[in-house]
């Protein structure tokens, strides 16, 4: 386990809202440029983790209008 990292286990529906908020905030952050999902994943995995995180980031990038 990495210290100081928030872990969401998807046990609650609220986690899904939090995950979307995290991805949206990362998208708006100039330090987390995401030409592809890999960089965004590596930047976020040091702070957050949840099951299926890498897949969710990939899906988020595919529908991101800024990245298109």
C-alpha atoms as a PDB file:
ATOM      1  CA  UNK A   1       0.000   0.000   0.000  1.00  0.00           C
ATOM      2  CA  UNK A   2       1.243   3.469  -0.865  1.00  0.00           C
ATOM      3  CA  UNK A   3       1.021   5.915   2.053  1.00  0.00           C
ATOM      4  CA  UNK A   4      -1.194   8.994   1.670  1.00  0.00           C
ATOM      5  CA  UNK A   5      -3.193   7.493  -1.188  1.00  0.00           C
ATOM      6  CA  UNK A   6      -6.994   7.486  -1.187  1.00  0.00           C
ATOM      7  CA  UNK A   7      -8.447   4.090  -2.047  1.00  0.00           C
ATOM      8  CA  UNK A   8     -12.036   3.680  -3.221  1.00  0.00           C
ATOM      9  CA  UNK A   9     -13.414   0.147  -3.222  1.00  0.00           C
ATOM     10  CA  UNK A  10     -16.595   0.844  -5.223  1.00  0.00           C
ATOM     11  CA  UNK A  11     -18.659  -0.462  -2.309  1.00  0.00           C
ATOM     12  CA  UNK A  12     -20.819   2.660  -2.349  1.00  0.00           C
ATOM     13  CA  UNK A  13     -22.524   4.514  -5.173  1.00  0.00           C
ATOM     14  CA  UNK A  14     -20.969   7.746  -3.925  1.00  0.00           C
ATOM     15  CA  UNK A  15     -17.554   6.447  -4.967  1.00  0.00           C
ATOM     16  CA  UNK A  16     -18.569   6.620  -8.628  1.00  0.00           C
ATOM     17  CA  UNK A  17     -19.421  10.299  -8.260  1.00  0.00           C
ATOM     18  CA  UNK A  18     -16.128  10.935  -6.475  1.00  0.00           C
ATOM     19  CA  UNK A  19     -14.181   9.135  -9.221  1.00  0.00           C
ATOM     20  CA  UNK A  20     -15.842  11.243 -11.927  1.00  0.00           C
ATOM     21  CA  UNK A  21     -15.065  14.388  -9.925  1.00  0.00           C
ATOM     22  CA  UNK A  22     -11.415  13.310  -9.625  1.00  0.00           C
ATOM     23  CA  UNK A  23     -11.139  12.707 -13.378  1.00  0.00           C
ATOM     24  CA  UNK A  24     -12.840  16.005 -14.187  1.00  0.00           C
ATOM     25  CA  UNK A  25     -10.536  17.892 -11.839  1.00  0.00           C
ATOM     26  CA  UNK A  26      -7.485  16.171 -13.325  1.00  0.00           C
ATOM     27  CA  UNK A  27      -8.646  17.156 -16.798  1.00  0.00           C
ATOM     28  CA  UNK A  28      -8.810  20.813 -15.749  1.00  0.00           C
ATOM     29  CA  UNK A  29      -5.415  20.702 -14.045  1.00  0.00           C
ATOM     30  CA  UNK A  30      -2.615  21.981 -16.298  1.00  0.00           C
ATOM     31  CA  UNK A  31      -0.126  19.595 -14.665  1.00  0.00           C
ATOM     32  CA  UNK A  32      -2.110  16.511 -15.653  1.00  0.00           C
ATOM     33  CA  UNK A  33      -2.145  16.848 -19.419  1.00  0.00           C
ATOM     34  CA  UNK A  34      -3.698  13.722 -20.880  1.00  0.00           C
ATOM     35  CA  UNK A  35      -2.986  13.198 -24.534  1.00  0.00           C
ATOM     36  CA  UNK A  36      -3.649   9.592 -23.707  1.00  0.00           C
ATOM     37  CA  UNK A  37      -4.882   7.839 -20.612  1.00  0.00           C
ATOM     38  CA  UNK A  38      -1.499   6.434 -19.628  1.00  0.00           C
ATOM     39  CA  UNK A  39      -0.021   9.709 -18.365  1.00  0.00           C
ATOM     40  CA  UNK A  40      -3.177  10.631 -16.524  1.00  0.00           C
ATOM     41  CA  UNK A  41      -3.278   7.169 -14.934  1.00  0.00           C
ATOM     42  CA  UNK A  42       0.349   7.339 -13.796  1.00  0.00           C
ATOM     43  CA  UNK A  43      -0.147  10.846 -12.419  1.00  0.00           C
ATOM     44  CA  UNK A  44      -3.296   9.911 -10.495  1.00  0.00           C
ATOM     45  CA  UNK A  45      -2.296   6.456  -9.254  1.00  0.00           C
ATOM     46  CA  UNK A  46       0.111   8.013  -6.765  1.00  0.00           C
ATOM     47  CA  UNK A  47      -2.797   9.815  -5.112  1.00  0.00           C
ATOM     48  CA  UNK A  48      -5.902   7.677  -5.804  1.00  0.00           C
ATOM     49  CA  UNK A  49      -6.813   4.087  -6.595  1.00  0.00           C
ATOM     50  CA  UNK A  50     -10.014   2.196  -7.303  1.00  0.00           C
ATOM     51  CA  UNK A  51     -10.827  -1.071  -9.071  1.00  0.00           C
ATOM     52  CA  UNK A  52     -10.979  -0.550 -12.822  1.00  0.00           C
ATOM     53  CA  UNK A  53      -9.293   2.852 -12.545  1.00  0.00           C
ATOM     54  CA  UNK A  54      -7.139   2.479 -15.664  1.00  0.00           C
ATOM     55  CA  UNK A  55     -10.137   1.384 -17.753  1.00  0.00           C
ATOM     56  CA  UNK A  56     -12.292   4.253 -16.453  1.00  0.00           C
ATOM     57  CA  UNK A  57      -9.565   6.768 -17.290  1.00  0.00           C
ATOM     58  CA  UNK A  58      -9.324   5.345 -20.826  1.00  0.00           C
ATOM     59  CA  UNK A  59     -13.088   5.687 -21.264  1.00  0.00           C
ATOM     60  CA  UNK A  60     -12.994   9.223 -19.864  1.00  0.00           C
ATOM     61  CA  UNK A  61     -10.256  10.212 -22.338  1.00  0.00           C
ATOM     62  CA  UNK A  62     -12.202   8.728 -25.280  1.00  0.00           C
ATOM     63  CA  UNK A  63     -15.200  10.982 -24.603  1.00  0.00           C
ATOM     64  CA  UNK A  64     -13.155  14.050 -23.613  1.00  0.00           C
ATOM     65  CA  UNK A  65     -13.897  16.873 -26.044  1.00  0.00           C
ATOM     66  CA  UNK A  66     -10.618  18.635 -25.174  1.00  0.00           C
ATOM     67  CA  UNK A  67      -8.595  15.590 -26.288  1.00  0.00           C
ATOM     68  CA  UNK A  68     -10.447  15.083 -29.557  1.00  0.00           C
END
